[in-house]
Amino acid sequence: MRQKNNYKDKGLLFLKGVLMGICDVIPGISGGTIAFITGIYERLINSIKNVSPELIKSIFLLLFSRKKERVEDLKENIKKIDLLFLGILFSGIFTSIFLGSRLISFMLDNYFTYTISFFIGLILASSKVIYISIENHKIKNILFGFLGVTIGIILALVVPQEVNPSYGYVFLGGFFAISAMFLPGISGSFILLIMGIYPFMLEVLHNLRDKLVYFLVFGIGAALGAFFISRLIVFLFKKDKCKTLYVLLGLVIGTLSIPIKKVLGSGVSFTIPNITGMLLLFFLGFILTLGINNFGQKKG
């Protein structure tokens, strides 16, 4: 019976990873939000945080020395990172990213304005999820929200709409996109959309053989981002969680102008059928996000 429950728990963890991956490939609700509302957020962030220089050091020492104490050191460091948990979760994440990326590419190529409208609904509802999770709404905290809005608007004005990605720029994309893993509300894909390389990274996923170097560079950036950002978020949450979440909330609202501009600049004719379709998909995205959040709260 215990073994059956163990398989069930692993299966549920894999499905949570699948759901996180679907959200990570869509510029809307973040995988971090899914982790938060399904009750694995703290375990995830602590597991990533425990991928320390000591672990890397113990691996290298074991390569040059097979002494028993080296093996024990490595085992101890692996225990800290909750390796089985991360392995199952990331298997689900990568499975849905690789499968879902083709569907998203098809939707963007053939139904651009409808797809972006759906994204906008997801993003706006994610901001409400962040707001609900803030415990203290005093004026000082709200002012930090305005700071986030300002930063978001500046990003929308400064970041180029179309870029020719260099390896360095893709590296930065990986570094900043991984923030979705630790920031409930912001999607890593949304960050790539802000940076102007979201369609390019979808193409990389579809043509790994030809663009493997870009994939590896992105992965290195993501790994370093996970190392640094996980520690920064833990520090900021301990320092003042409410102010941190308000900055994040403002950032989401401020950068929302980017997908809105993409819809307005797409050349679509705003006929009654088109407007109706966009509004329906906007509300679908909005309701879907709130529904996932409410389900997670009831389960908790």
Foldseek 3Di string as FASTA:
>chain_A
DVVVVVVVVLVVLLVLLLVQLLQQLAQFFHSLQSCVLQPNLVVQLQLLQLPDVQLVVLVVVCVVPVDPVSVVSNVVSCVRNVVSSVVSSNVSNVVNNLVVLVVLLVCCVPPVLQSLLLRLLRLVLQLVVLVVPQDDDDPVLLVLLQVLLVVQQVLQVPADQADDDDLVLLLQLLLVQLCSSNQGRGHSLSSCNSNNCSSVVSVCSVCCVVNVSSVVSSVVSNSVSSNPVSVVSVVVCVVPVSSVSSSVSSNSVNNSVNSVVCSVPVPDDPDPVVVVSSVVSSVVSNVVNVVSSVVSVVVD
